[in-house]
């Protein structure tokens, strides 16, 4: 299943090995990892390994994190997408989570919102999911704002790997209202 989504300003497509340099720029920035346990990558090899794991997810789950490409410049600015989570988190197991990560110079421009909104639509309309979940660090105001703006509702607070998090969800019935 080959997925490509186009929005007004973005192209969302599978992440490929040639994205490694830009992926490294994204994930080597400590500010990007501030709310993720602050473990930025230190080598392009780590970025390549991450890309390989994403490509395996595409095969195993027919979904995953996809590149966010800025139409205007054809530049890789981050990733977004739906991921099938098989490990338990906040008393949930085997669920779809919406997520996104952008290079710092692209924060605050609405790209995260635009990509997340497109993936939410894809999940409910194309994949016919009943519910989509998301989590964020409790202090990550920007990420929380995106989740709330696309319609997800704050349900609970919890700790995940010693990180204080908030849990969001939205079901298809409420999405279609």
Protein backbone atom coordinates (compact mmCIF):
# COMPACT_ATOMS: atom_id res chain seq x y z
CA UNK A 1 0.00 0.00 0.00
CA UNK A 2 1.65 3.20 -1.18
CA UNK A 3 0.40 6.24 0.71
CA UNK A 4 0.93 9.82 -0.38
CA UNK A 5 -1.16 12.65 1.01
CA UNK A 6 -1.15 16.17 -0.31
CA UNK A 7 -2.31 19.23 1.65
CA UNK A 8 -2.26 22.89 0.71
CA UNK A 9 1.44 23.31 1.59
CA UNK A 10 2.71 19.78 2.24
CA UNK A 11 3.33 16.39 0.72
CA UNK A 12 3.24 13.47 3.15
CA UNK A 13 5.11 10.48 1.74
CA UNK A 14 7.05 7.43 2.87
CA UNK A 15 10.42 8.15 4.44
CA UNK A 16 13.29 6.88 2.30
CA UNK A 17 17.01 6.42 2.91
CA UNK A 18 17.83 9.63 1.07
CA UNK A 19 16.01 11.48 3.89
CA UNK A 20 18.73 10.43 6.36
CA UNK A 21 20.62 13.73 6.40
CA UNK A 22 17.49 15.79 7.08
CA UNK A 23 16.28 13.19 9.61
CA UNK A 24 19.61 13.60 11.37
CA UNK A 25 19.14 17.39 11.41
CA UNK A 26 15.75 16.83 13.02
CA UNK A 27 16.68 14.25 15.63
CA UNK A 28 20.13 15.57 16.59
CA UNK A 29 18.60 18.82 17.87
CA UNK A 30 18.28 18.72 21.70
CA UNK A 31 15.36 21.19 21.52
CA UNK A 32 13.39 18.72 19.38
CA UNK A 33 14.01 16.05 22.02
CA UNK A 34 13.27 18.26 25.02
CA UNK A 35 9.96 16.52 25.73
CA UNK A 36 11.03 13.09 24.49
CA UNK A 37 13.45 12.17 27.27
CA UNK A 38 16.11 14.43 25.70
CA UNK A 39 18.06 11.73 23.85
CA UNK A 40 19.02 13.30 20.52
CA UNK A 41 20.77 11.08 18.00
CA UNK A 42 24.52 11.46 17.68
CA UNK A 43 25.22 9.91 14.27
CA UNK A 44 23.69 9.63 10.85
CA UNK A 45 23.82 5.85 11.34
CA UNK A 46 21.26 6.20 14.12
CA UNK A 47 19.03 8.12 11.72
CA UNK A 48 19.49 5.39 9.10
CA UNK A 49 18.52 2.75 11.66
CA UNK A 50 15.40 4.74 12.54
CA UNK A 51 14.47 5.02 8.86
CA UNK A 52 14.88 1.26 8.48
CA UNK A 53 12.57 0.68 11.46
CA UNK A 54 9.97 3.01 9.90
CA UNK A 55 10.16 1.11 6.63
CA UNK A 56 9.58 -2.16 8.50
CA UNK A 57 6.49 -0.59 10.12
CA UNK A 58 5.16 0.28 6.64
CA UNK A 59 5.42 -3.38 5.68
CA UNK A 60 4.15 -4.89 8.93
CA UNK A 61 1.34 -2.42 9.67
CA UNK A 62 0.66 -0.70 6.32
CA UNK A 63 1.09 2.61 8.16
CA UNK A 64 3.66 4.56 10.16
CA UNK A 65 5.45 7.89 10.30
CA UNK A 66 5.76 9.66 6.94
CA UNK A 67 7.97 12.47 5.70
CA UNK A 68 6.60 15.98 5.74
CA UNK A 69 7.83 17.65 2.55
CA UNK A 70 7.35 21.38 2.08
CA UNK A 71 5.86 21.84 -1.42
CA UNK A 72 7.42 25.26 -1.89
CA UNK A 73 11.01 23.97 -1.54
CA UNK A 74 10.65 20.16 -1.76
CA UNK A 75 12.44 20.06 1.61
CA UNK A 76 12.08 17.37 4.30
CA UNK A 77 10.93 19.31 7.37
CA UNK A 78 9.91 16.47 9.69
CA UNK A 79 7.56 13.54 9.94
CA UNK A 80 3.97 12.84 10.89
CA UNK A 81 1.60 9.93 10.71
CA UNK A 82 -0.29 7.16 12.37
CA UNK A 83 1.62 4.43 14.15
CA UNK A 84 0.25 1.10 15.29
CA UNK A 85 1.41 0.74 18.90
CA UNK A 86 1.78 -2.86 20.07
CA UNK A 87 3.30 -2.14 23.49
CA UNK A 88 1.12 -1.16 26.45
CA UNK A 89 0.81 2.54 27.19
CA UNK A 90 -1.61 4.18 29.61
CA UNK A 91 -3.58 0.91 29.91
CA UNK A 92 -3.99 0.63 26.12
CA UNK A 93 -2.60 -2.03 23.81
CA UNK A 94 -2.70 -2.43 20.02
CA UNK A 95 -3.90 1.06 19.13
CA UNK A 96 -3.27 3.77 16.53
CA UNK A 97 -1.47 6.89 17.67
CA UNK A 98 -1.13 10.12 15.75
CA UNK A 99 2.24 11.81 16.04
CA UNK A 100 4.51 14.41 14.44
CA UNK A 101 7.95 15.90 14.80
CA UNK A 102 9.29 18.97 12.98
CA UNK A 103 12.69 20.56 12.58
CA UNK A 104 12.88 23.53 14.95
CA UNK A 105 13.07 26.17 12.22
CA UNK A 106 9.62 25.03 11.04
CA UNK A 107 7.87 25.28 14.41
CA UNK A 108 5.00 27.74 14.79
CA UNK A 109 4.11 27.89 11.10
CA UNK A 110 1.10 25.55 11.19
CA UNK A 111 2.82 22.64 9.44
CA UNK A 112 2.36 20.26 12.38
CA UNK A 113 -1.34 21.08 12.51
CA UNK A 114 -1.74 20.71 8.74
CA UNK A 115 -0.01 17.31 8.70
CA UNK A 116 -1.81 16.02 11.81
CA UNK A 117 -5.19 17.10 10.44
CA UNK A 118 -4.50 15.24 7.18
CA UNK A 119 -3.49 12.08 9.04
CA UNK A 120 -6.54 12.24 11.28
CA UNK A 121 -8.74 12.39 8.18
CA UNK A 122 -6.82 9.53 6.59
CA UNK A 123 -7.17 7.38 9.70
CA UNK A 124 -10.90 7.83 10.06
CA UNK A 125 -11.94 8.01 6.41
CA UNK A 126 -9.45 5.84 4.50
CA UNK A 127 -8.53 3.33 7.25
CA UNK A 128 -11.97 3.39 8.91
CA UNK A 129 -10.44 3.49 12.40
CA UNK A 130 -12.90 3.68 15.27
CA UNK A 131 -10.61 5.72 17.55
CA UNK A 132 -7.27 7.52 17.34
CA UNK A 133 -5.09 8.26 20.35
CA UNK A 134 -2.19 10.60 21.07
CA UNK A 135 0.10 11.42 23.92
CA UNK A 136 2.36 14.34 24.71
CA UNK A 137 4.66 15.49 27.47
CA UNK A 138 2.53 17.35 29.97
CA UNK A 139 4.57 20.57 29.43
CA UNK A 140 4.68 20.40 25.63
CA UNK A 141 2.24 23.23 25.00
CA UNK A 142 2.84 23.32 21.22
CA UNK A 143 2.09 19.66 20.69
CA UNK A 144 -0.90 19.76 23.00
CA UNK A 145 -2.27 22.77 21.10
CA UNK A 146 -2.08 20.84 17.81
CA UNK A 147 -3.86 17.81 19.28
CA UNK A 148 -6.65 19.95 20.69
CA UNK A 149 -6.96 22.01 17.51
CA UNK A 150 -7.51 18.87 15.40
CA UNK A 151 -10.23 17.78 17.81
CA UNK A 152 -8.64 15.28 20.18
CA UNK A 153 -9.85 15.46 23.78
CA UNK A 154 -7.67 15.36 26.86
CA UNK A 155 -8.61 12.22 28.79
CA UNK A 156 -5.96 11.68 31.46
CA UNK A 157 -2.49 12.31 32.82
CA UNK A 158 -0.01 9.47 33.34
CA UNK A 159 3.70 8.66 33.46
CA UNK A 160 5.36 6.82 30.58
CA UNK A 161 8.97 5.75 31.15
CA UNK A 162 9.15 8.33 33.98
CA UNK A 163 7.95 11.11 31.65
CA UNK A 164 4.82 13.01 32.75
CA UNK A 165 2.36 12.73 29.87
CA UNK A 166 -1.17 13.60 28.85
CA UNK A 167 -3.43 11.22 26.94
CA UNK A 168 -5.76 12.33 24.15
CA UNK A 169 -8.32 10.50 22.08
CA UNK A 170 -10.99 11.02 19.45
CA UNK A 171 -13.51 8.53 18.10
CA UNK A 172 -14.80 8.51 14.55
CA UNK A 173 -18.37 9.35 15.56
CA UNK A 174 -17.24 12.60 17.17
CA UNK A 175 -14.88 13.32 14.28
CA UNK A 176 -17.76 13.13 11.79
CA UNK A 177 -20.00 15.49 13.78
